[in-house]
Every structure is written in C-alpha cells, then in structure tokens.
Amino acid sequence: MADVALGVCEYVFSFAKEIGAATYREWKSVGLTKRDPISSEFELAFEDAIRTSENVHFCLDGIVDIRTAVKLGEELGPQRHNVTNWELYRVTTEARPTVTLLRN
C-alpha cells in the first residue's frame, strides 16, 4: 500500500515526489480510497487514506506554529483555508505510530 503525503499545497507536491508518497490527488488511483478526494467526499477519503496507508508523512514547511495550527484544525475543522491545519490535527491526535513530521 502507498504512503500518504500531507502539508501546505505549495510544498506538498514536491515533497510527495521526493519521498514517493501520494497526495490527495492520487489517493484514489493508488488504492488508498474508493472515494473522490477532490469532492465533497474529501473528509471520508482522508480517513480512508490515513487508515489504509503504510505511513503518513507531513511536510511542516509553511506552518509557522504547529500548536496553533493543530488548535485551529480542531476548532475550525476542514473548511476552506484550514484543511492543512485540520489534517495536522487529525494525524497528531490519532493513535498512529507511523506519522512522520518533517521540515526542510
């Protein structure tokens, strides 16, 4: 099964390419979800992808304060302009030993 790459859009695509992981655009095609992550099913596709992936890699580039980002993710959820914060909140509060946080 594929690894998942998460992070701020302006960094995550090159990050994913470097580490050989799938971004949300690829989750369905690599078998991490049967749902369309580029739709209203994003939250469900995200849950499928992090549950079925071998590893989750989170690029912290572009995130100034991790604690604030996690707090915003919890409080505001996956709304527009807060999705990355919500993803960070979800992967850091789940009992997943396979999450790696990286900063270039």
PDB file of N, CA and C in Angstrom:
ATOM      1  N   MET A   1       0.854  -1.186   0.000  1.00  0.00           N
ATOM      2  CA  MET A   1       0.000   0.000   0.000  1.00  0.00           C
ATOM      3  C   MET A   1       0.896   1.243   0.000  1.00  0.00           C
ATOM      4  N   ALA A   2       0.387   2.314  -0.524  1.00  0.00           N
ATOM      5  CA  ALA A   2       1.137   3.559  -0.676  1.00  0.00           C
ATOM      6  C   ALA A   2       1.213   4.347   0.628  1.00  0.00           C
ATOM      7  N   ASP A   3       2.196   5.223   0.690  1.00  0.00           N
ATOM      8  CA  ASP A   3       2.309   6.179   1.787  1.00  0.00           C
ATOM      9  C   ASP A   3       1.529   7.439   1.421  1.00  0.00           C
ATOM     10  N   VAL A   4       1.128   8.189   2.433  1.00  0.00           N
ATOM     11  CA  VAL A   4       0.393   9.445   2.254  1.00  0.00           C
ATOM     12  C   VAL A   4       1.328  10.615   2.540  1.00  0.00           C
ATOM     13  N   ALA A   5       1.241  11.652   1.718  1.00  0.00           N
ATOM     14  CA  ALA A   5       1.957  12.902   1.950  1.00  0.00           C
ATOM     15  C   ALA A   5       0.935  14.002   2.188  1.00  0.00           C
ATOM     16  N   LEU A   6       1.125  14.748   3.264  1.00  0.00           N
ATOM     17  CA  LEU A   6       0.245  15.858   3.623  1.00  0.00           C
ATOM     18  C   LEU A   6       1.081  17.110   3.830  1.00  0.00           C
ATOM     19  N   GLY A   7       0.431  18.271   3.760  1.00  0.00           N
ATOM     20  CA  GLY A   7       1.110  19.531   4.014  1.00  0.00           C
ATOM     21  C   GLY A   7       0.482  20.658   3.223  1.00  0.00           C
ATOM     22  N   VAL A   8       1.060  21.830   3.354  1.00  0.00           N
ATOM     23  CA  VAL A   8       0.593  23.026   2.651  1.00  0.00           C
ATOM     24  C   VAL A   8       0.775  22.813   1.143  1.00  0.00           C
ATOM     25  N   CYS A   9      -0.248  23.155   0.372  1.00  0.00           N
ATOM     26  CA  CYS A   9      -0.253  22.887  -1.078  1.00  0.00           C
ATOM     27  C   CYS A   9       1.011  23.342  -1.796  1.00  0.00           C
ATOM     28  N   GLU A  10       1.527  24.493  -1.471  1.00  0.00           N
ATOM     29  CA  GLU A  10       2.685  24.985  -2.220  1.00  0.00           C
ATOM     30  C   GLU A  10       3.947  24.152  -1.976  1.00  0.00           C
ATOM     31  N   TYR A  11       3.958  23.288  -0.978  1.00  0.00           N
ATOM     32  CA  TYR A  11       5.112  22.441  -0.678  1.00  0.00           C
ATOM     33  C   TYR A  11       4.836  20.950  -0.848  1.00  0.00           C
ATOM     34  N   VAL A  12       3.606  20.524  -0.673  1.00  0.00           N
ATOM     35  CA  VAL A  12       3.316  19.088  -0.548  1.00  0.00           C
ATOM     36  C   VAL A  12       3.565  18.299  -1.830  1.00  0.00           C
ATOM     37  N   PHE A  13       3.375  18.874  -2.987  1.00  0.00           N
ATOM     38  CA  PHE A  13       3.524  18.102  -4.220  1.00  0.00           C
ATOM     39  C   PHE A  13       4.985  17.743  -4.489  1.00  0.00           C
ATOM     40  N   SER A  14       5.900  18.689  -4.315  1.00  0.00           N
ATOM     41  CA  SER A  14       7.319  18.364  -4.495  1.00  0.00           C
ATOM     42  C   SER A  14       7.806  17.455  -3.361  1.00  0.00           C
ATOM     43  N   PHE A  15       7.300  17.672  -2.156  1.00  0.00           N
ATOM     44  CA  PHE A  15       7.624  16.821  -1.013  1.00  0.00           C
ATOM     45  C   PHE A  15       7.214  15.378  -1.302  1.00  0.00           C
ATOM     46  N   ALA A  16       5.995  15.186  -1.774  1.00  0.00           N
ATOM     47  CA  ALA A  16       5.491  13.846  -2.076  1.00  0.00           C
ATOM     48  C   ALA A  16       6.347  13.158  -3.137  1.00  0.00           C
ATOM     49  N   LYS A  17       6.726  13.915  -4.140  1.00  0.00           N
ATOM     50  CA  LYS A  17       7.560  13.360  -5.209  1.00  0.00           C
ATOM     51  C   LYS A  17       8.910  12.913  -4.657  1.00  0.00           C
ATOM     52  N   GLU A  18       9.503  13.724  -3.782  1.00  0.00           N
ATOM     53  CA  GLU A  18      10.803  13.395  -3.187  1.00  0.00           C
ATOM     54  C   GLU A  18      10.761  12.102  -2.386  1.00  0.00           C
ATOM     55  N   ILE A  19       9.684  11.885  -1.654  1.00  0.00           N
ATOM     56  CA  ILE A  19       9.619  10.721  -0.760  1.00  0.00           C
ATOM     57  C   ILE A  19       8.819   9.552  -1.334  1.00  0.00           C
ATOM     58  N   GLY A  20       8.240   9.736  -2.513  1.00  0.00           N
ATOM     59  CA  GLY A  20       7.488   8.659  -3.148  1.00  0.00           C
ATOM     60  C   GLY A  20       6.154   8.361  -2.488  1.00  0.00           C
ATOM     61  N   ALA A  21       5.483   9.401  -2.022  1.00  0.00           N
ATOM     62  CA  ALA A  21       4.183   9.238  -1.361  1.00  0.00           C
ATOM     63  C   ALA A  21       3.087   9.887  -2.196  1.00  0.00           C
ATOM     64  N   ALA A  22       1.834   9.547  -1.878  1.00  0.00           N
ATOM     65  CA  ALA A  22       0.685  10.035  -2.648  1.00  0.00           C
ATOM     66  C   ALA A  22       0.031  11.234  -1.970  1.00  0.00           C
ATOM     67  N   THR A  23      -0.249  12.263  -2.760  1.00  0.00           N
ATOM     68  CA  THR A  23      -1.037  13.393  -2.265  1.00  0.00           C
ATOM     69  C   THR A  23      -2.516  13.067  -2.473  1.00  0.00           C
ATOM     70  N   TYR A  24      -3.365  13.948  -1.995  1.00  0.00           N
ATOM     71  CA  TYR A  24      -4.808  13.725  -2.118  1.00  0.00           C
ATOM     72  C   TYR A  24      -5.240  13.503  -3.563  1.00  0.00           C
ATOM     73  N   ARG A  25      -4.537  14.091  -4.496  1.00  0.00           N
ATOM     74  CA  ARG A  25      -4.885  13.932  -5.910  1.00  0.00           C
ATOM     75  C   ARG A  25      -4.700  12.493  -6.395  1.00  0.00           C
ATOM     76  N   GLU A  26      -3.877  11.731  -5.690  1.00  0.00           N
ATOM     77  CA  GLU A  26      -3.535  10.368  -6.112  1.00  0.00           C
ATOM     78  C   GLU A  26      -4.125   9.270  -5.233  1.00  0.00           C
ATOM     79  N   TRP A  27      -4.733   9.620  -4.120  1.00  0.00           N
ATOM     80  CA  TRP A  27      -5.216   8.604  -3.182  1.00  0.00           C
ATOM     81  C   TRP A  27      -6.089   7.560  -3.836  1.00  0.00           C
ATOM     82  N   LYS A  28      -7.006   7.994  -4.677  1.00  0.00           N
ATOM     83  CA  LYS A  28      -7.927   7.049  -5.313  1.00  0.00           C
ATOM     84  C   LYS A  28      -7.195   6.155  -6.315  1.00  0.00           C
ATOM     85  N   SER A  29      -6.331   6.736  -7.122  1.00  0.00           N
ATOM     86  CA  SER A  29      -5.644   5.960  -8.159  1.00  0.00           C
ATOM     87  C   SER A  29      -4.644   4.951  -7.601  1.00  0.00           C
ATOM     88  N   VAL A  30      -4.117   5.184  -6.402  1.00  0.00           N
ATOM     89  CA  VAL A  30      -3.174   4.229  -5.808  1.00  0.00           C
ATOM     90  C   VAL A  30      -3.862   3.271  -4.828  1.00  0.00           C
ATOM     91  N   GLY A  31      -5.171   3.363  -4.732  1.00  0.00           N
ATOM     92  CA  GLY A  31      -5.924   2.410  -3.928  1.00  0.00           C
ATOM     93  C   GLY A  31      -6.069   2.714  -2.452  1.00  0.00           C
ATOM     94  N   LEU A  32      -5.785   3.956  -2.044  1.00  0.00           N
ATOM     95  CA  LEU A  32      -5.933   4.323  -0.635  1.00  0.00           C
ATOM     96  C   LEU A  32      -7.383   4.621  -0.263  1.00  0.00           C
ATOM     97  N   THR A  33      -8.199   4.896  -1.259  1.00  0.00           N
ATOM     98  CA  THR A  33      -9.619   5.157  -1.047  1.00  0.00           C
ATOM     99  C   THR A  33     -10.378   4.853  -2.337  1.00  0.00           C
ATOM    100  N   LYS A  34     -11.649   4.574  -2.198  1.00  0.00           N
ATOM    101  CA  LYS A  34     -12.514   4.414  -3.371  1.00  0.00           C
ATOM    102  C   LYS A  34     -13.311   5.692  -3.624  1.00  0.00           C
ATOM    103  N   ARG A  35     -13.171   6.634  -2.709  1.00  0.00           N
ATOM    104  CA  ARG A  35     -13.910   7.904  -2.791  1.00  0.00           C
ATOM    105  C   ARG A  35     -13.099   8.940  -3.570  1.00  0.00           C
ATOM    106  N   ASP A  36     -13.782   9.965  -4.041  1.00  0.00           N
ATOM    107  CA  ASP A  36     -13.123  11.043  -4.777  1.00  0.00           C
ATOM    108  C   ASP A  36     -12.668  12.115  -3.791  1.00  0.00           C
ATOM    109  N   PRO A  37     -11.349  12.230  -3.556  1.00  0.00           N
ATOM    110  CA  PRO A  37     -10.867  13.226  -2.590  1.00  0.00           C
ATOM    111  C   PRO A  37     -10.984  14.664  -3.080  1.00  0.00           C
ATOM    112  N   ILE A  38     -11.263  14.846  -4.357  1.00  0.00           N
ATOM    113  CA  ILE A  38     -11.415  16.202  -4.890  1.00  0.00           C
ATOM    114  C   ILE A  38     -12.910  16.454  -5.051  1.00  0.00           C
ATOM    115  N   SER A  39     -13.618  16.319  -3.942  1.00  0.00           N
ATOM    116  CA  SER A  39     -15.069  16.486  -3.950  1.00  0.00           C
ATOM    117  C   SER A  39     -15.553  16.697  -2.523  1.00  0.00           C
ATOM    118  N   SER A  40     -16.852  16.630  -2.373  1.00  0.00           N
ATOM    119  CA  SER A  40     -17.438  16.754  -1.038  1.00  0.00           C
ATOM    120  C   SER A  40     -17.118  15.535  -0.173  1.00  0.00           C
ATOM    121  N   GLU A  41     -16.531  14.506  -0.759  1.00  0.00           N
ATOM    122  CA  GLU A  41     -16.154  13.301  -0.012  1.00  0.00           C
ATOM    123  C   GLU A  41     -14.741  13.391   0.563  1.00  0.00           C
ATOM    124  N   PHE A  42     -14.126  14.576   0.533  1.00  0.00           N
ATOM    125  CA  PHE A  42     -12.730  14.701   0.967  1.00  0.00           C
ATOM    126  C   PHE A  42     -12.492  14.137   2.358  1.00  0.00           C
ATOM    127  N   GLU A  43     -13.318  14.484   3.333  1.00  0.00           N
ATOM    128  CA  GLU A  43     -13.095  14.021   4.709  1.00  0.00           C
ATOM    129  C   GLU A  43     -13.090  12.499   4.791  1.00  0.00           C
ATOM    130  N   LEU A  44     -14.026  11.866   4.107  1.00  0.00           N
ATOM    131  CA  LEU A  44     -14.090  10.402   4.120  1.00  0.00           C
ATOM    132  C   LEU A  44     -12.902   9.796   3.385  1.00  0.00           C
ATOM    133  N   ALA A  45     -12.506  10.402   2.265  1.00  0.00           N
ATOM    134  CA  ALA A  45     -11.339   9.938   1.520  1.00  0.00           C
ATOM    135  C   ALA A  45     -10.074  10.078   2.373  1.00  0.00           C
ATOM    136  N   PHE A  46      -9.968  11.178   3.107  1.00  0.00           N
ATOM    137  CA  PHE A  46      -8.834  11.400   4.007  1.00  0.00           C
ATOM    138  C   PHE A  46      -8.774  10.295   5.052  1.00  0.00           C
ATOM    139  N   GLU A  47      -9.901  10.012   5.684  1.00  0.00           N
ATOM    140  CA  GLU A  47      -9.945   8.965   6.715  1.00  0.00           C
ATOM    141  C   GLU A  47      -9.535   7.616   6.130  1.00  0.00           C
ATOM    142  N   ASP A  48     -10.039   7.292   4.934  1.00  0.00           N
ATOM    143  CA  ASP A  48      -9.648   6.046   4.268  1.00  0.00           C
ATOM    144  C   ASP A  48      -8.144   6.014   4.039  1.00  0.00           C
ATOM    145  N   ALA A  49      -7.614   7.103   3.500  1.00  0.00           N
ATOM    146  CA  ALA A  49      -6.196   7.151   3.130  1.00  0.00           C
ATOM    147  C   ALA A  49      -5.286   7.001   4.336  1.00  0.00           C
ATOM    148  N   ILE A  50      -5.559   7.707   5.427  1.00  0.00           N
ATOM    149  CA  ILE A  50      -4.659   7.579   6.575  1.00  0.00           C
ATOM    150  C   ILE A  50      -4.831   6.228   7.268  1.00  0.00           C
ATOM    151  N   ARG A  51      -6.007   5.653   7.166  1.00  0.00           N
ATOM    152  CA  ARG A  51      -6.240   4.343   7.780  1.00  0.00           C
ATOM    153  C   ARG A  51      -5.567   3.218   6.991  1.00  0.00           C
ATOM    154  N   THR A  52      -5.568   3.315   5.666  1.00  0.00           N
ATOM    155  CA  THR A  52      -5.051   2.221   4.847  1.00  0.00           C
ATOM    156  C   THR A  52      -3.595   2.393   4.421  1.00  0.00           C
ATOM    157  N   SER A  53      -3.034   3.572   4.599  1.00  0.00           N
ATOM    158  CA  SER A  53      -1.638   3.785   4.182  1.00  0.00           C
ATOM    159  C   SER A  53      -0.680   3.081   5.135  1.00  0.00           C
ATOM    160  N   GLU A  54       0.508   2.821   4.628  1.00  0.00           N
ATOM    161  CA  GLU A  54       1.547   2.251   5.482  1.00  0.00           C
ATOM    162  C   GLU A  54       2.113   3.334   6.397  1.00  0.00           C
ATOM    163  N   ASN A  55       2.355   4.505   5.844  1.00  0.00           N
ATOM    164  CA  ASN A  55       2.949   5.618   6.586  1.00  0.00           C
ATOM    165  C   ASN A  55       2.302   6.926   6.163  1.00  0.00           C
ATOM    166  N   VAL A  56       2.285   7.873   7.084  1.00  0.00           N
ATOM    167  CA  VAL A  56       1.809   9.224   6.798  1.00  0.00           C
ATOM    168  C   VAL A  56       2.984  10.169   7.019  1.00  0.00           C
ATOM    169  N   HIS A  57       3.303  10.949   6.002  1.00  0.00           N
ATOM    170  CA  HIS A  57       4.399  11.920   6.075  1.00  0.00           C
ATOM    171  C   HIS A  57       3.782  13.310   5.971  1.00  0.00           C
ATOM    172  N   PHE A  58       4.085  14.156   6.924  1.00  0.00           N
ATOM    173  CA  PHE A  58       3.509  15.503   6.951  1.00  0.00           C
ATOM    174  C   PHE A  58       4.629  16.513   6.804  1.00  0.00           C
ATOM    175  N   CYS A  59       4.586  17.299   5.732  1.00  0.00           N
ATOM    176  CA  CYS A  59       5.566  18.356   5.492  1.00  0.00           C
ATOM    177  C   CYS A  59       5.141  19.590   6.286  1.00  0.00           C
ATOM    178  N   LEU A  60       5.979  20.028   7.185  1.00  0.00           N
ATOM    179  CA  LEU A  60       5.666  21.176   8.040  1.00  0.00           C
ATOM    180  C   LEU A  60       6.082  22.512   7.428  1.00  0.00           C
ATOM    181  N   ASP A  61       6.679  22.476   6.244  1.00  0.00           N
ATOM    182  CA  ASP A  61       7.064  23.730   5.588  1.00  0.00           C
ATOM    183  C   ASP A  61       5.824  24.594   5.383  1.00  0.00           C
ATOM    184  N   GLY A  62       5.941  25.865   5.699  1.00  0.00           N
ATOM    185  CA  GLY A  62       4.824  26.797   5.566  1.00  0.00           C
ATOM    186  C   GLY A  62       3.956  26.895   6.806  1.00  0.00           C
ATOM    187  N   ILE A  63       4.216  26.048   7.802  1.00  0.00           N
ATOM    188  CA  ILE A  63       3.470  26.099   9.060  1.00  0.00           C
ATOM    189  C   ILE A  63       4.387  26.728  10.108  1.00  0.00           C
ATOM    190  N   VAL A  64       4.045  27.914  10.534  1.00  0.00           N
ATOM    191  CA  VAL A  64       4.905  28.674  11.439  1.00  0.00           C
ATOM    192  C   VAL A  64       4.838  28.127  12.867  1.00  0.00           C
ATOM    193  N   ASP A  65       3.650  27.919  13.362  1.00  0.00           N
ATOM    194  CA  ASP A  65       3.448  27.485  14.745  1.00  0.00           C
ATOM    195  C   ASP A  65       2.588  26.218  14.754  1.00  0.00           C
ATOM    196  N   ILE A  66       3.195  25.092  15.031  1.00  0.00           N
ATOM    197  CA  ILE A  66       2.500  23.809  14.972  1.00  0.00           C
ATOM    198  C   ILE A  66       1.350  23.739  15.971  1.00  0.00           C
ATOM    199  N   ARG A  67       1.567  24.208  17.188  1.00  0.00           N
ATOM    200  CA  ARG A  67       0.495  24.159  18.200  1.00  0.00           C
ATOM    201  C   ARG A  67      -0.728  24.966  17.780  1.00  0.00           C
ATOM    202  N   THR A  68      -0.487  26.137  17.227  1.00  0.00           N
ATOM    203  CA  THR A  68      -1.595  26.974  16.761  1.00  0.00           C
ATOM    204  C   THR A  68      -2.311  26.296  15.591  1.00  0.00           C
ATOM    205  N   ALA A  69      -1.557  25.714  14.690  1.00  0.00           N
ATOM    206  CA  ALA A  69      -2.159  25.020  13.542  1.00  0.00           C
ATOM    207  C   ALA A  69      -3.045  23.867  14.006  1.00  0.00           C
ATOM    208  N   VAL A  70      -2.569  23.088  14.969  1.00  0.00           N
ATOM    209  CA  VAL A  70      -3.352  21.968  15.494  1.00  0.00           C
ATOM    210  C   VAL A  70      -4.619  22.476  16.176  1.00  0.00           C
ATOM    211  N   LYS A  71      -4.484  23.546  16.948  1.00  0.00           N
ATOM    212  CA  LYS A  71      -5.644  24.122  17.633  1.00  0.00           C
ATOM    213  C   LYS A  71      -6.690  24.627  16.629  1.00  0.00           C
ATOM    214  N   LEU A  72      -6.228  25.316  15.583  1.00  0.00           N
ATOM    215  CA  LEU A  72      -7.146  25.790  14.538  1.00  0.00           C
ATOM    216  C   LEU A  72      -7.802  24.618  13.808  1.00  0.00           C
ATOM    217  N   GLY A  73      -7.040  23.569  13.592  1.00  0.00           N
ATOM    218  CA  GLY A  73      -7.595  22.378  12.949  1.00  0.00           C
ATOM    219  C   GLY A  73      -8.719  21.769  13.763  1.00  0.00           C
ATOM    220  N   GLU A  74      -8.521  21.717  15.075  1.00  0.00           N
ATOM    221  CA  GLU A  74      -9.557  21.171  15.959  1.00  0.00           C
ATOM    222  C   GLU A  74     -10.783  22.082  15.995  1.00  0.00           C
ATOM    223  N   GLU A  75     -10.553  23.376  16.137  1.00  0.00           N
ATOM    224  CA  GLU A  75     -11.657  24.326  16.316  1.00  0.00           C
ATOM    225  C   GLU A  75     -12.450  24.594  15.042  1.00  0.00           C
ATOM    226  N   LEU A  76     -11.770  24.710  13.906  1.00  0.00           N
ATOM    227  CA  LEU A  76     -12.434  25.118  12.671  1.00  0.00           C
ATOM    228  C   LEU A  76     -12.753  23.976  11.719  1.00  0.00           C
ATOM    229  N   GLY A  77     -12.119  22.836  11.909  1.00  0.00           N
ATOM    230  CA  GLY A  77     -12.385  21.693  11.046  1.00  0.00           C
ATOM    231  C   GLY A  77     -11.857  21.888   9.635  1.00  0.00           C
ATOM    232  N   PRO A  78     -12.282  21.027   8.709  1.00  0.00           N
ATOM    233  CA  PRO A  78     -11.737  21.037   7.347  1.00  0.00           C
ATOM    234  C   PRO A  78     -12.415  22.026   6.404  1.00  0.00           C
ATOM    235  N   GLN A  79     -12.574  23.236   6.859  1.00  0.00           N
ATOM    236  CA  GLN A  79     -13.167  24.238   5.979  1.00  0.00           C
ATOM    237  C   GLN A  79     -12.089  24.869   5.102  1.00  0.00           C
ATOM    238  N   ARG A  80     -12.517  25.578   4.095  1.00  0.00           N
ATOM    239  CA  ARG A  80     -11.600  26.232   3.156  1.00  0.00           C
ATOM    240  C   ARG A  80     -10.554  27.056   3.915  1.00  0.00           C
ATOM    241  N   HIS A  81      -9.328  26.977   3.488  1.00  0.00           N
ATOM    242  CA  HIS A  81      -8.174  27.674   4.070  1.00  0.00           C
ATOM    243  C   HIS A  81      -7.792  27.128   5.444  1.00  0.00           C
ATOM    244  N   ASN A  82      -8.340  26.000   5.849  1.00  0.00           N
ATOM    245  CA  ASN A  82      -7.975  25.391   7.126  1.00  0.00           C
ATOM    246  C   ASN A  82      -7.767  23.885   6.997  1.00  0.00           C
ATOM    247  N   VAL A  83      -7.808  23.370   5.796  1.00  0.00           N
ATOM    248  CA  VAL A  83      -7.726  21.920   5.613  1.00  0.00           C
ATOM    249  C   VAL A  83      -6.399  21.364   6.125  1.00  0.00           C
ATOM    250  N   THR A  84      -5.286  22.026   5.832  1.00  0.00           N
ATOM    251  CA  THR A  84      -3.986  21.531   6.289  1.00  0.00           C
ATOM    252  C   THR A  84      -3.924  21.510   7.812  1.00  0.00           C
ATOM    253  N   ASN A  85      -4.453  22.536   8.465  1.00  0.00           N
ATOM    254  CA  ASN A  85      -4.482  22.542   9.931  1.00  0.00           C
ATOM    255  C   ASN A  85      -5.313  21.378  10.451  1.00  0.00           C
ATOM    256  N   TRP A  86      -6.456  21.122   9.810  1.00  0.00           N
ATOM    257  CA  TRP A  86      -7.311  20.010  10.213  1.00  0.00           C
ATOM    258  C   TRP A  86      -6.600  18.675  10.017  1.00  0.00           C
ATOM    259  N   GLU A  87      -5.893  18.513   8.887  1.00  0.00           N
ATOM    260  CA  GLU A  87      -5.134  17.281   8.647  1.00  0.00           C
ATOM    261  C   GLU A  87      -4.072  17.086   9.724  1.00  0.00           C
ATOM    262  N   LEU A  88      -3.373  18.166  10.065  1.00  0.00           N
ATOM    263  CA  LEU A  88      -2.344  18.080  11.105  1.00  0.00           C
ATOM    264  C   LEU A  88      -2.963  17.699  12.449  1.00  0.00           C
ATOM    265  N   TYR A  89      -4.079  18.309  12.765  1.00  0.00           N
ATOM    266  CA  TYR A  89      -4.806  17.951  13.990  1.00  0.00           C
ATOM    267  C   TYR A  89      -5.169  16.467  13.984  1.00  0.00           C
ATOM    268  N   ARG A  90      -5.728  15.995  12.890  1.00  0.00           N
ATOM    269  CA  ARG A  90      -6.176  14.595  12.810  1.00  0.00           C
ATOM    270  C   ARG A  90      -5.018  13.612  12.962  1.00  0.00           C
ATOM    271  N   VAL A  91      -3.919  13.848  12.272  1.00  0.00           N
ATOM    272  CA  VAL A  91      -2.830  12.865  12.331  1.00  0.00           C
ATOM    273  C   VAL A  91      -2.021  12.945  13.615  1.00  0.00           C
ATOM    274  N   THR A  92      -2.051  14.074  14.298  1.00  0.00           N
ATOM    275  CA  THR A  92      -1.295  14.163  15.558  1.00  0.00           C
ATOM    276  C   THR A  92      -2.131  13.766  16.769  1.00  0.00           C
ATOM    277  N   THR A  93      -3.428  13.630  16.604  1.00  0.00           N
ATOM    278  CA  THR A  93      -4.260  13.224  17.737  1.00  0.00           C
ATOM    279  C   THR A  93      -4.760  11.785  17.607  1.00  0.00           C
ATOM    280  N   GLU A  94      -4.518  11.152  16.482  1.00  0.00           N
ATOM    281  CA  GLU A  94      -4.865   9.746  16.284  1.00  0.00           C
ATOM    282  C   GLU A  94      -3.733   8.895  16.842  1.00  0.00           C
ATOM    283  N   ALA A  95      -4.054   7.708  17.251  1.00  0.00           N
ATOM    284  CA  ALA A  95      -3.028   6.778  17.744  1.00  0.00           C
ATOM    285  C   ALA A  95      -2.392   6.076  16.545  1.00  0.00           C
ATOM    286  N   ARG A  96      -1.569   6.806  15.808  1.00  0.00           N
ATOM    287  CA  ARG A  96      -0.889   6.255  14.633  1.00  0.00           C
ATOM    288  C   ARG A  96       0.615   6.385  14.814  1.00  0.00           C
ATOM    289  N   PRO A  97       1.287   5.293  15.059  1.00  0.00           N
ATOM    290  CA  PRO A  97       2.739   5.374  15.246  1.00  0.00           C
ATOM    291  C   PRO A  97       3.515   5.610  13.960  1.00  0.00           C
ATOM    292  N   THR A  98       2.831   5.620  12.821  1.00  0.00           N
ATOM    293  CA  THR A  98       3.526   5.735  11.539  1.00  0.00           C
ATOM    294  C   THR A  98       3.475   7.141  10.951  1.00  0.00           C
ATOM    295  N   VAL A  99       3.233   8.161  11.765  1.00  0.00           N
ATOM    296  CA  VAL A  99       3.212   9.541  11.277  1.00  0.00           C
ATOM    297  C   VAL A  99       4.593  10.150  11.455  1.00  0.00           C
ATOM    298  N   THR A 100       5.111  10.719  10.376  1.00  0.00           N
ATOM    299  CA  THR A 100       6.405  11.397  10.419  1.00  0.00           C
ATOM    300  C   THR A 100       6.189  12.864  10.069  1.00  0.00           C
ATOM    301  N   LEU A 101       6.624  13.754  10.945  1.00  0.00           N
ATOM    302  CA  LEU A 101       6.543  15.200  10.707  1.00  0.00           C
ATOM    303  C   LEU A 101       7.915  15.665  10.242  1.00  0.00           C
ATOM    304  N   LEU A 102       7.959  16.335   9.092  1.00  0.00           N
ATOM    305  CA  LEU A 102       9.232  16.760   8.515  1.00  0.00           C
ATOM    306  C   LEU A 102       9.218  18.219   8.115  1.00  0.00           C
ATOM    307  N   ARG A 103      10.358  18.863   8.259  1.00  0.00           N
ATOM    308  CA  ARG A 103      10.529  20.236   7.796  1.00  0.00           C
ATOM    309  C   ARG A 103      11.838  20.308   7.039  1.00  0.00           C
ATOM    310  N   ASN A 104      11.811  20.922   5.838  1.00  0.00           N
ATOM    311  CA  ASN A 104      13.053  21.076   5.058  1.00  0.00           C
ATOM    312  C   ASN A 104      13.956  22.105   5.672  1.00  0.00           C
TER     313      ASN A 104
END
